[in-house]
Amino acid sequence: MAVHASVSSDTCEKTLNNMNAVSNQKICHSNRERDLGYYFKITFSIDHPVTFNMRVPTDFGNGGVSAIDGVAQRVTTKNIYNSNLLDFSIRLERGEHVLEVIGGEDCCDGALKWTFTLTDQPLYE
């Protein structure tokens, strides 16, 4: 699974192989840690119906949204730091799917690790 991350404000775009240590400083090798906008898009396919459980421990001081296949699952304007405010579970059918996470960070660009599970299968990172 390849992950495409776009980080705005002095724009940086990267394709990632995993979602470990997710932050502007880590992804874009930048010293910027304030007033950041994030857009993450993860495209994946599944070969049979599953329950998709997403843990999105972001550092979005200005809130954010998590969506699957263009439908918002969780939305908050609260400060999010390693919390469950954008986490969700959804039943997905076989086929291609798109996970999108959008958020704003006022300070301080904490690096966190995203995880997900599919039904009773092991944890993926």
Protein backbone atom coordinates (compact mmCIF):
# COMPACT_ATOMS: atom_id res chain seq x y z
CA MET A 1 0.00 0.00 0.00
CA ALA A 2 1.47 3.36 -0.99
CA VAL A 3 0.27 6.46 0.77
CA HIS A 4 0.23 9.87 -0.88
CA ALA A 5 0.53 12.78 1.53
CA SER A 6 0.19 16.44 0.63
CA VAL A 7 1.27 18.98 3.20
CA SER A 8 0.32 22.57 2.43
CA SER A 9 1.93 25.85 3.48
CA ASP A 10 5.21 25.88 1.59
CA THR A 11 3.73 22.84 -0.18
CA CYS A 12 5.29 19.42 0.05
CA GLU A 13 4.02 16.22 -1.59
CA LYS A 14 5.38 12.75 -0.85
CA THR A 15 4.44 9.16 -1.54
CA LEU A 16 4.95 7.12 1.63
CA ASN A 17 5.39 3.39 2.16
CA ASN A 18 3.95 3.49 5.69
CA MET A 19 2.22 5.80 8.14
CA ASN A 20 4.87 5.74 10.90
CA ALA A 21 6.09 9.05 12.34
CA VAL A 22 3.52 11.10 10.37
CA SER A 23 4.31 14.82 10.67
CA ASN A 24 5.35 17.74 8.44
CA GLN A 25 8.83 17.70 9.95
CA LYS A 26 9.31 13.96 9.32
CA ILE A 27 7.64 13.73 5.89
CA CYS A 28 8.94 16.97 4.37
CA HIS A 29 12.17 17.40 6.36
CA SER A 30 10.98 20.83 7.38
CA ASN A 31 11.48 22.87 10.55
CA ARG A 32 7.97 24.27 10.21
CA GLU A 33 5.67 23.18 13.04
CA ARG A 34 2.98 25.87 13.11
CA ASP A 35 0.02 26.83 10.92
CA LEU A 36 0.00 23.70 8.76
CA GLY A 37 -2.70 22.20 6.58
CA TYR A 38 -2.75 18.47 5.84
CA TYR A 39 -4.39 16.30 3.21
CA PHE A 40 -3.71 12.55 3.25
CA LYS A 41 -5.16 10.23 0.61
CA ILE A 42 -4.78 6.46 0.88
CA THR A 43 -6.08 4.25 -1.92
CA PHE A 44 -6.48 0.53 -1.26
CA SER A 45 -8.41 -2.49 -2.45
CA ILE A 46 -9.94 -5.44 -0.62
CA ASP A 47 -10.92 -8.79 -2.08
CA HIS A 48 -13.86 -9.61 0.21
CA PRO A 49 -16.25 -7.68 2.50
CA VAL A 50 -14.61 -6.63 5.79
CA THR A 51 -15.07 -4.30 8.72
CA PHE A 52 -12.44 -1.57 8.39
CA ASN A 53 -11.30 -0.11 11.74
CA MET A 54 -9.20 3.03 11.38
CA ARG A 55 -7.11 4.65 14.12
CA VAL A 56 -6.10 8.17 13.06
CA PRO A 57 -3.97 9.62 15.90
CA THR A 58 -3.20 12.96 14.28
CA ASP A 59 -1.86 16.21 15.68
CA PHE A 60 -4.45 18.62 14.27
CA GLY A 61 -4.82 21.54 16.69
CA ASN A 62 -7.58 23.03 14.54
CA GLY A 63 -9.59 19.83 14.06
CA GLY A 64 -10.13 17.71 11.00
CA VAL A 65 -12.18 15.20 9.06
CA SER A 66 -11.75 11.53 8.17
CA ALA A 67 -13.64 10.13 5.18
CA ILE A 68 -13.95 6.87 3.30
CA ASP A 69 -15.01 6.80 -0.35
CA GLY A 70 -15.92 10.49 -0.23
CA VAL A 71 -18.21 10.20 2.80
CA ALA A 72 -17.18 11.92 6.04
CA GLN A 73 -16.99 9.46 8.94
CA ARG A 74 -15.80 11.78 11.71
CA VAL A 75 -15.56 15.58 11.84
CA THR A 76 -14.31 17.75 14.69
CA THR A 77 -13.16 21.31 15.29
CA LYS A 78 -11.52 20.28 18.58
CA ASN A 79 -7.79 20.07 19.17
CA ILE A 80 -6.74 16.53 18.26
CA TYR A 81 -3.53 15.07 19.62
CA ASN A 82 -3.27 11.28 19.71
CA SER A 83 -6.98 10.95 20.48
CA ASN A 84 -9.82 8.97 18.93
CA LEU A 85 -11.70 11.98 17.52
CA LEU A 86 -11.16 10.92 13.89
CA ASP A 87 -11.26 7.13 14.42
CA PHE A 88 -14.05 5.09 12.83
CA SER A 89 -15.25 1.62 11.84
CA ILE A 90 -17.19 0.84 8.68
CA ARG A 91 -18.25 -2.22 6.71
CA LEU A 92 -16.59 -2.19 3.27
CA GLU A 93 -17.50 -4.28 0.27
CA ARG A 94 -15.02 -5.84 -2.13
CA GLY A 95 -13.26 -3.34 -4.42
CA GLU A 96 -11.27 -0.12 -4.48
CA HIS A 97 -11.57 2.34 -1.60
CA VAL A 98 -10.18 5.77 -0.71
CA LEU A 99 -9.41 6.98 2.81
CA GLU A 100 -8.95 10.75 3.15
CA VAL A 101 -7.87 12.67 6.25
CA ILE A 102 -7.80 16.46 6.25
CA GLY A 103 -6.80 18.73 9.12
CA GLY A 104 -5.16 21.91 10.35
CA GLU A 105 -2.38 22.26 12.91
CA ASP A 106 -1.65 25.43 14.85
CA CYS A 107 1.27 23.99 16.87
CA CYS A 108 3.46 21.76 17.23
CA ASP A 109 3.39 19.06 14.52
CA GLY A 110 3.63 15.92 16.67
CA ALA A 111 4.74 12.73 14.89
CA LEU A 112 2.27 9.86 15.30
CA LYS A 113 1.66 6.38 13.86
CA TRP A 114 -1.58 5.44 12.07
CA THR A 115 -3.01 1.91 12.28
CA PHE A 116 -5.95 -0.05 10.92
CA THR A 117 -7.46 -3.51 11.18
CA LEU A 118 -9.63 -5.50 8.79
CA THR A 119 -12.23 -7.63 10.61
CA ASP A 120 -10.27 -10.10 12.82
CA GLN A 121 -7.02 -9.87 10.89
CA PRO A 122 -3.77 -8.58 12.40
CA LEU A 123 -2.95 -4.91 12.83
CA TYR A 124 -1.56 -3.18 9.72
CA GLU A 125 0.61 -0.05 9.77
